Protein backbone atom coordinates (compact mmCIF):
# COMPACT_ATOMS: atom_id res chain seq x y z
CA MET A 1 -3.75 174.32 55.05
CA ILE A 2 -6.81 173.28 57.36
CA ASN A 3 -3.98 172.19 59.95
CA ASP A 4 -0.85 173.70 59.12
CA ASP A 5 1.47 175.48 61.94
CA GLY A 6 2.69 179.02 61.32
CA ASN A 7 6.11 178.23 59.97
CA SER A 8 4.31 176.80 56.83
CA ARG A 9 1.68 179.49 56.83
CA PHE A 10 4.75 181.74 56.80
CA PHE A 11 6.49 180.01 54.23
CA TYR A 12 3.87 179.93 51.80
CA GLN A 13 3.05 183.76 52.19
CA SER A 14 6.51 184.99 51.88
CA VAL A 15 7.17 182.65 48.30
CA GLY A 16 3.93 184.29 47.09
CA THR A 17 4.74 187.59 47.79
CA LYS A 18 8.21 187.08 46.03
CA LYS A 19 6.56 185.73 43.15
CA ARG A 20 4.29 188.79 42.89
CA GLU A 21 6.92 191.02 43.37
CA THR A 22 9.23 189.30 40.70
CA MET A 23 6.71 189.23 37.75
CA ILE A 24 6.96 191.05 34.99
CA PHE A 25 3.54 192.50 33.80
CA ASN A 26 4.57 195.41 31.08
CA LEU A 27 7.20 195.76 29.39
CA LYS A 28 8.72 198.86 27.65
CA ALA A 29 9.88 198.32 24.12
CA LYS A 30 11.13 200.60 21.35
CA TYR A 31 9.98 203.75 20.72
CA GLU A 32 8.67 203.87 24.18
CA VAL A 33 5.75 201.79 23.60
CA TRP A 34 4.43 199.49 26.57
CA ILE A 35 3.61 195.60 26.05
CA ILE A 36 1.30 194.65 28.65
CA GLU A 37 -0.17 191.34 27.38
CA ALA A 38 1.58 188.40 28.88
CA SER A 39 1.96 186.78 25.66
CA LEU A 40 3.44 189.36 23.86
CA ILE A 41 6.10 189.78 26.65
CA GLN A 42 7.00 186.41 26.49
CA GLN A 43 7.69 186.63 22.95
CA CYS A 44 9.61 190.15 23.06
CA PHE A 45 11.77 188.73 25.57
CA ILE A 46 12.54 185.37 23.30
CA ASN A 47 13.44 187.53 20.42
CA GLU A 48 15.74 189.62 22.18
CA PHE A 49 17.35 186.49 23.44
CA SER A 50 17.48 184.69 19.80
CA HIS A 51 19.02 188.08 18.49
CA LYS A 52 21.69 188.37 21.19
CA PHE A 53 22.51 184.65 21.04
CA THR A 54 22.34 183.75 17.30
CA SER A 55 25.98 183.72 15.78
CA SER A 56 25.71 186.22 12.33
CA ARG A 57 29.57 184.64 11.38
CA ASN A 58 29.38 181.57 8.90
CA VAL A 59 30.97 178.98 10.33
CA ASP A 60 33.56 177.05 8.38
CA ASN A 61 32.98 172.90 9.17
CA SER A 62 36.45 172.12 6.52
CA ILE A 63 38.36 171.94 9.77
CA CYS A 64 36.76 168.41 10.85
CA HIS A 65 37.99 167.38 7.46
CA LEU A 66 42.26 168.20 8.08
CA ASN A 67 44.52 165.43 8.64
CA ILE A 68 44.63 165.18 12.29
CA ALA A 69 46.09 163.01 14.11
CA ARG A 70 44.20 160.72 16.17
CA PHE A 71 44.59 160.35 19.92
CA VAL A 72 42.34 157.73 20.77
CA THR A 73 42.63 154.90 18.44
CA ILE A 74 39.87 152.88 17.09
CA ASN A 75 40.07 150.20 19.63
CA ASP A 76 40.27 152.38 22.45
CA ASN A 77 37.29 153.86 21.47
CA SER A 78 35.90 151.05 21.13
CA SER A 79 36.16 149.52 24.48
CA LEU A 80 34.90 153.37 25.69
CA VAL A 81 31.76 153.12 24.27
CA LYS A 82 30.72 149.78 24.58
CA PRO A 83 28.29 149.07 27.39
CA ILE A 84 28.77 148.61 31.16
CA SER A 85 27.63 145.45 32.54
CA ASP A 86 25.95 144.75 35.52
CA VAL A 87 28.74 142.22 36.46
CA LYS A 88 31.13 144.99 36.47
CA ILE A 89 29.26 147.89 37.86
CA GLN A 90 29.01 145.03 41.38
CA GLU A 91 32.16 144.75 41.09
CA ILE A 92 32.96 148.33 41.53
CA VAL A 93 30.34 148.78 43.95
CA PHE A 94 31.50 146.11 46.31
CA ARG A 95 35.57 147.54 46.05
CA MET A 96 34.31 150.69 47.65
CA ASP A 97 34.78 151.63 50.96
CA PRO A 98 31.64 151.00 52.99
CA TYR A 99 31.71 154.02 54.34
CA LYS A 100 32.45 156.73 51.67
CA ALA A 101 29.87 158.75 49.72
CA PRO A 102 30.00 159.28 46.16
CA LYS A 103 29.37 163.23 47.11
CA PRO A 104 28.54 164.94 50.46
CA VAL A 105 24.77 164.16 50.39
CA GLY A 106 25.00 160.71 48.76
CA PHE A 107 23.95 157.55 50.25
CA ARG A 108 27.14 155.44 51.61
CA ALA A 109 28.76 152.59 49.61
CA SER A 110 27.23 150.37 52.47
CA CYS A 111 23.76 151.15 51.33
CA TYR A 112 24.13 150.30 47.88
CA GLN A 113 25.92 147.08 49.05
CA LYS A 114 23.29 145.72 51.43
CA TYR A 115 20.90 146.54 49.17
CA TRP A 116 22.26 145.34 46.13
CA HIS A 117 19.76 142.15 45.04
CA VAL A 118 16.73 144.89 45.31
CA ILE A 119 19.06 147.97 42.98
CA ASN A 120 20.06 145.19 40.40
């Protein structure tokens, strides 16, 4: 950062400070034991989260074999899972209002329409 401005220097210094403030250098484990080695701290967190978020119940998957009426027919399912063709995507893109964007920060449809030859 030889030719930087003051804002960049401030930003990178504040990020570095925040990173140092939020790092965990030691951890108090069971029986009042302090852990200072980074790999042991990491393993301690992994063990704790694995213990907390692992189910101790024996899950019964037999409900999957019950006779439940289908809401999606086999024909509907096959049409839902088949690949969408490039022609269909092009039809949809060109039907969109050119001044509408899919998201607030997305590209307008006119961009896709104008540069379709590059995108496709």
